[in-house]
Structure formats: structure tokens, C-alpha cells
Amino acid sequence: MHYFMPKQVLPQQKNWYVIHTYSGYEDAVARNLKQRIESLGMEDKIFNVIVPKEKKIKIKDGKRKVVEEKVIQAMS
């Protein structure tokens, strides 16, 4: 009698990387990187591309407006 064990799938170790860009180009770089990942078929190697942002309420001329600001600001 033979017993077969199901193939074990080991979780891949995932690493974080930071890409430095010119200030104001973060979203464009993220968009282009996502396109390259798709065109090269690397979805199994690169899982997510993010630009860290947070929502803030700004008041200008007495009006409230919700805006997204990048969490990591450019260094002066």
C-alpha cells in the first residue's frame, strides 16, 4: 500500500523595497512599475506597489476639503 502526501507549498519569503524618486513623480513611477510588472509577467515575484498616503482635511476660504498627502515627504 502506498501513501502519497500532498505537495507542500512553502510560503515564499517576501521582502520590502523602497524606490527613491523625484518629488512629485511618486504616482507616475508606481503606475509605470505596475505596467512593467504586468508586461514582464512578474506578478508572482512583485506583489504590490504602493505610495504611502493619508487623508487629511484642509480648510481653505472657509471650505473643508479632504486631500491625500504622501506620508513620506521629500527632504529639503
C-alpha atoms as a PDB file:
ATOM      1  CA  MET A   1       0.000   0.000   0.000  1.00  0.00           C
ATOM      2  CA  HIS A   2       1.348   3.444  -0.939  1.00  0.00           C
ATOM      3  CA  TYR A   3       0.546   6.637   0.876  1.00  0.00           C
ATOM      4  CA  PHE A   4       1.012   9.864  -1.005  1.00  0.00           C
ATOM      5  CA  MET A   5       1.430  13.080   0.874  1.00  0.00           C
ATOM      6  CA  PRO A   6       0.020  16.193  -0.759  1.00  0.00           C
ATOM      7  CA  LYS A   7       2.599  18.525  -2.209  1.00  0.00           C
ATOM      8  CA  GLN A   8       3.628  21.015   0.424  1.00  0.00           C
ATOM      9  CA  VAL A   9       3.527  24.623  -0.572  1.00  0.00           C
ATOM     10  CA  LEU A  10       6.014  26.634   1.411  1.00  0.00           C
ATOM     11  CA  PRO A  11       5.236  30.319   1.772  1.00  0.00           C
ATOM     12  CA  GLN A  12       7.656  32.484  -0.141  1.00  0.00           C
ATOM     13  CA  GLN A  13       9.588  34.953   1.907  1.00  0.00           C
ATOM     14  CA  LYS A  14       8.572  38.452   0.907  1.00  0.00           C
ATOM     15  CA  ASN A  15      10.870  41.444   1.097  1.00  0.00           C
ATOM     16  CA  TRP A  16      10.133  45.162   1.127  1.00  0.00           C
ATOM     17  CA  TYR A  17      11.993  47.538  -1.134  1.00  0.00           C
ATOM     18  CA  VAL A  18      11.987  51.318  -1.283  1.00  0.00           C
ATOM     19  CA  ILE A  19      12.386  53.204  -4.532  1.00  0.00           C
ATOM     20  CA  HIS A  20      13.639  56.767  -4.368  1.00  0.00           C
ATOM     21  CA  THR A  21      12.026  59.126  -6.885  1.00  0.00           C
ATOM     22  CA  TYR A  22      11.977  62.807  -7.608  1.00  0.00           C
ATOM     23  CA  SER A  23       9.394  64.630  -5.532  1.00  0.00           C
ATOM     24  CA  GLY A  24       6.035  64.756  -7.287  1.00  0.00           C
ATOM     25  CA  TYR A  25       6.752  61.721  -9.507  1.00  0.00           C
ATOM     26  CA  GLU A  26       5.855  59.011  -6.975  1.00  0.00           C
ATOM     27  CA  ASP A  27       2.472  58.124  -8.509  1.00  0.00           C
ATOM     28  CA  ALA A  28       3.872  58.104 -12.055  1.00  0.00           C
ATOM     29  CA  VAL A  29       6.730  55.812 -11.014  1.00  0.00           C
ATOM     30  CA  ALA A  30       4.295  53.457  -9.236  1.00  0.00           C
ATOM     31  CA  ARG A  31       1.999  53.381 -12.284  1.00  0.00           C
ATOM     32  CA  ASN A  32       4.900  52.655 -14.671  1.00  0.00           C
ATOM     33  CA  LEU A  33       6.300  49.986 -12.356  1.00  0.00           C
ATOM     34  CA  LYS A  34       2.900  48.239 -12.236  1.00  0.00           C
ATOM     35  CA  GLN A  35       2.756  48.281 -16.049  1.00  0.00           C
ATOM     36  CA  ARG A  36       6.250  46.779 -16.281  1.00  0.00           C
ATOM     37  CA  ILE A  37       5.386  44.052 -13.770  1.00  0.00           C
ATOM     38  CA  GLU A  38       2.366  43.098 -15.860  1.00  0.00           C
ATOM     39  CA  SER A  39       4.135  43.277 -19.230  1.00  0.00           C
ATOM     40  CA  LEU A  40       7.047  41.147 -17.979  1.00  0.00           C
ATOM     41  CA  GLY A  41       4.756  38.645 -16.248  1.00  0.00           C
ATOM     42  CA  MET A  42       6.339  39.177 -12.838  1.00  0.00           C
ATOM     43  CA  GLU A  43       3.136  39.216 -10.780  1.00  0.00           C
ATOM     44  CA  ASP A  44       4.385  36.141  -8.906  1.00  0.00           C
ATOM     45  CA  LYS A  45       7.556  37.972  -7.832  1.00  0.00           C
ATOM     46  CA  ILE A  46       6.340  41.536  -7.183  1.00  0.00           C
ATOM     47  CA  PHE A  47       3.085  41.517  -5.263  1.00  0.00           C
ATOM     48  CA  ASN A  48       2.251  45.135  -4.586  1.00  0.00           C
ATOM     49  CA  VAL A  49       3.405  48.659  -5.375  1.00  0.00           C
ATOM     50  CA  ILE A  50       2.250  51.412  -3.029  1.00  0.00           C
ATOM     51  CA  VAL A  51       2.810  55.082  -2.419  1.00  0.00           C
ATOM     52  CA  PRO A  52       2.058  55.654   1.281  1.00  0.00           C
ATOM     53  CA  LYS A  53      -0.603  58.342   1.671  1.00  0.00           C
ATOM     54  CA  GLU A  54      -3.004  59.559   4.322  1.00  0.00           C
ATOM     55  CA  LYS A  55      -6.211  61.564   4.085  1.00  0.00           C
ATOM     56  CA  LYS A  56      -6.251  64.971   5.743  1.00  0.00           C
ATOM     57  CA  ILE A  57      -8.851  67.696   5.994  1.00  0.00           C
ATOM     58  CA  LYS A  58      -7.710  71.088   4.718  1.00  0.00           C
ATOM     59  CA  ILE A  59      -9.671  74.289   5.247  1.00  0.00           C
ATOM     60  CA  LYS A  60      -9.273  76.975   2.600  1.00  0.00           C
ATOM     61  CA  ASP A  61     -11.527  80.003   2.214  1.00  0.00           C
ATOM     62  CA  GLY A  62     -13.783  78.545   4.913  1.00  0.00           C
ATOM     63  CA  LYS A  63     -14.383  75.321   2.958  1.00  0.00           C
ATOM     64  CA  ARG A  64     -13.375  71.877   4.141  1.00  0.00           C
ATOM     65  CA  LYS A  65     -11.685  69.629   1.641  1.00  0.00           C
ATOM     66  CA  VAL A  66     -10.351  66.087   2.067  1.00  0.00           C
ATOM     67  CA  VAL A  67      -6.952  65.691   0.417  1.00  0.00           C
ATOM     68  CA  GLU A  68      -4.465  62.854   0.213  1.00  0.00           C
ATOM     69  CA  GLU A  69      -0.909  63.658   1.246  1.00  0.00           C
ATOM     70  CA  LYS A  70       2.128  61.478   0.915  1.00  0.00           C
ATOM     71  CA  VAL A  71       3.284  60.131   4.262  1.00  0.00           C
ATOM     72  CA  ILE A  72       6.968  60.398   3.401  1.00  0.00           C
ATOM     73  CA  GLN A  73       7.711  63.948   2.362  1.00  0.00           C
ATOM     74  CA  ALA A  74      10.703  64.978   0.297  1.00  0.00           C
ATOM     75  CA  MET A  75      13.787  66.029   2.205  1.00  0.00           C
ATOM     76  CA  SER A  76      14.867  69.628   1.707  1.00  0.00           C
END
